[in-house]
Protein backbone atom coordinates (compact mmCIF):
# COMPACT_ATOMS: atom_id res chain seq x y z
CA MET A 1 -1.59 1.49 -39.17
CA SER A 2 -0.99 3.89 -36.35
CA GLY A 3 -3.41 6.66 -35.43
CA LYS A 4 -2.82 10.36 -35.04
CA ARG A 5 0.18 11.61 -33.11
CA TYR A 6 -0.24 14.49 -30.69
CA THR A 7 2.44 16.75 -29.26
CA ASP A 8 3.19 16.70 -25.54
CA GLU A 9 1.92 20.29 -25.33
CA PHE A 10 -1.44 19.21 -26.74
CA LYS A 11 -1.64 16.32 -24.29
CA ILE A 12 -0.68 18.51 -21.32
CA GLU A 13 -3.32 21.07 -22.24
CA ALA A 14 -5.92 18.30 -22.49
CA VAL A 15 -4.90 17.03 -19.05
CA ARG A 16 -5.16 20.57 -17.62
CA GLN A 17 -8.73 20.84 -18.87
CA VAL A 18 -9.60 17.85 -16.69
CA THR A 19 -7.39 18.51 -13.65
CA ASP A 20 -7.43 22.32 -13.43
CA ARG A 21 -10.67 23.34 -15.08
CA GLY A 22 -12.82 20.47 -13.85
CA TYR A 23 -14.18 19.18 -17.17
CA SER A 24 -15.01 15.49 -17.42
CA VAL A 25 -12.75 13.15 -19.36
CA SER A 26 -15.50 12.21 -21.79
CA GLU A 27 -16.36 15.88 -22.43
CA VAL A 28 -12.74 16.87 -23.14
CA ALA A 29 -12.11 13.77 -25.25
CA GLU A 30 -15.18 14.42 -27.39
CA ARG A 31 -14.37 18.13 -27.82
CA LEU A 32 -10.74 17.40 -28.85
CA GLY A 33 -11.59 14.42 -31.04
CA VAL A 34 -9.54 11.89 -29.08
CA THR A 35 -10.57 8.72 -27.31
CA ALA A 36 -11.27 8.71 -23.59
CA HIS A 37 -8.73 5.87 -23.33
CA SER A 38 -6.00 8.13 -24.74
CA LEU A 39 -6.95 10.95 -22.41
CA TYR A 40 -6.81 8.63 -19.39
CA ALA A 41 -3.34 7.51 -20.48
CA TRP A 42 -2.26 11.16 -20.78
CA LEU A 43 -3.70 11.87 -17.32
CA LYS A 44 -1.61 9.05 -15.92
CA LYS A 45 1.52 10.33 -17.63
CA PHE A 46 1.14 14.11 -17.31
CA SER A 47 -1.01 14.77 -14.23
CA PRO A 48 0.54 17.08 -11.61
CA ASN A 49 0.35 14.37 -8.95
CA GLN A 50 2.36 11.93 -11.06
CA ALA A 51 5.75 13.46 -10.12
CA LYS A 52 4.83 13.44 -6.43
CA ASP A 53 3.71 9.81 -6.65
CA GLN A 54 7.00 8.81 -8.28
CA GLU A 55 8.97 10.56 -5.52
CA LEU A 56 6.90 8.82 -2.84
CA ASP A 57 7.33 5.45 -4.53
CA GLU A 58 11.10 5.90 -4.61
CA ALA A 59 11.18 6.99 -0.95
CA GLN A 60 9.08 3.97 0.01
CA ARG A 61 11.39 1.60 -1.88
CA ASN A 62 14.40 3.13 -0.12
CA MET A 63 12.70 2.73 3.26
CA HIS A 64 11.93 -0.95 2.59
CA ARG A 65 15.53 -1.60 1.52
CA HIS A 66 16.80 0.10 4.67
CA LEU A 67 14.44 -1.86 6.94
CA ALA A 68 15.45 -5.11 5.25
CA ARG A 69 19.10 -4.35 5.99
CA LEU A 70 18.23 -3.58 9.62
CA ASP A 71 16.44 -6.90 9.97
CA GLU A 72 19.56 -8.72 8.78
CA CYS A 73 21.82 -7.09 11.38
CA PRO A 74 21.72 -8.19 15.00
CA GLY A 75 21.65 -5.51 17.64
CA PRO A 76 19.40 -3.08 19.45
CA HIS A 77 18.43 -1.27 16.26
CA THR A 78 16.56 -4.22 14.76
CA ARG A 79 12.82 -4.08 14.38
CA ARG A 80 12.46 -7.36 16.25
CA HIS A 81 10.68 -6.78 19.53
CA PRO A 82 12.02 -8.63 22.57
CA GLY A 83 8.50 -9.63 23.60
CA ARG A 84 7.65 -10.95 20.17
CA ASP A 85 7.99 -14.60 19.37
CA GLN A 86 10.23 -14.65 16.28
CA SER A 87 8.51 -17.72 14.84
CA SER A 88 5.11 -16.03 14.85
CA SER A 89 3.78 -12.55 14.41
CA GLU A 90 1.94 -12.50 17.72
CA LEU A 91 3.11 -10.39 20.60
CA ARG A 92 3.59 -12.31 23.85
CA LEU A 93 2.12 -10.41 26.74
CA PRO A 94 3.54 -10.81 30.23
CA ALA A 95 1.51 -12.91 32.62
CA PHE A 96 -0.74 -10.81 34.71
CA ARG A 97 -2.81 -11.51 37.77
CA TRP A 98 -6.07 -9.88 38.64
CA ILE A 99 -5.90 -8.03 41.92
CA THR A 100 -9.09 -8.12 43.84
CA PRO A 101 -9.62 -5.56 46.54
CA VAL A 102 -9.69 -7.01 49.99
CA MET A 103 -12.80 -5.97 51.79
CA SER A 104 -12.17 -5.40 55.41
CA ALA A 105 -14.66 -6.77 57.80
CA GLY A 106 -16.94 -3.87 58.44
CA ARG A 107 -17.02 -2.17 61.78
CA SER A 108 -19.37 -3.74 64.06
CA GLY A 109 -21.89 -1.22 64.98
CA GLY A 110 -21.32 -1.95 68.63
CA ALA A 111 -23.28 0.04 71.05
């Protein structure tokens, strides 16, 4: 058998008590006669940050699709770096030589 059904308005108000008013999940759940598990599920579904997270997830998916298409196309816009060995992920650095200062022979203190 299924348990009690709550309206979305009830759930949203319960979520607001946690997010806006700062009450703990266990305190709100006990006061409203619901399980903490249900309240956590409502927080996940109705919290104010949920819409922002969904927008960010979609933007991130779009960015990954776009970058994948760029990697498939040859040309200067690819993410492949000319100094990077394509078979490995390590960057090849140009050879470089230490330059040591040449010390001139000191002045002879000739008197």
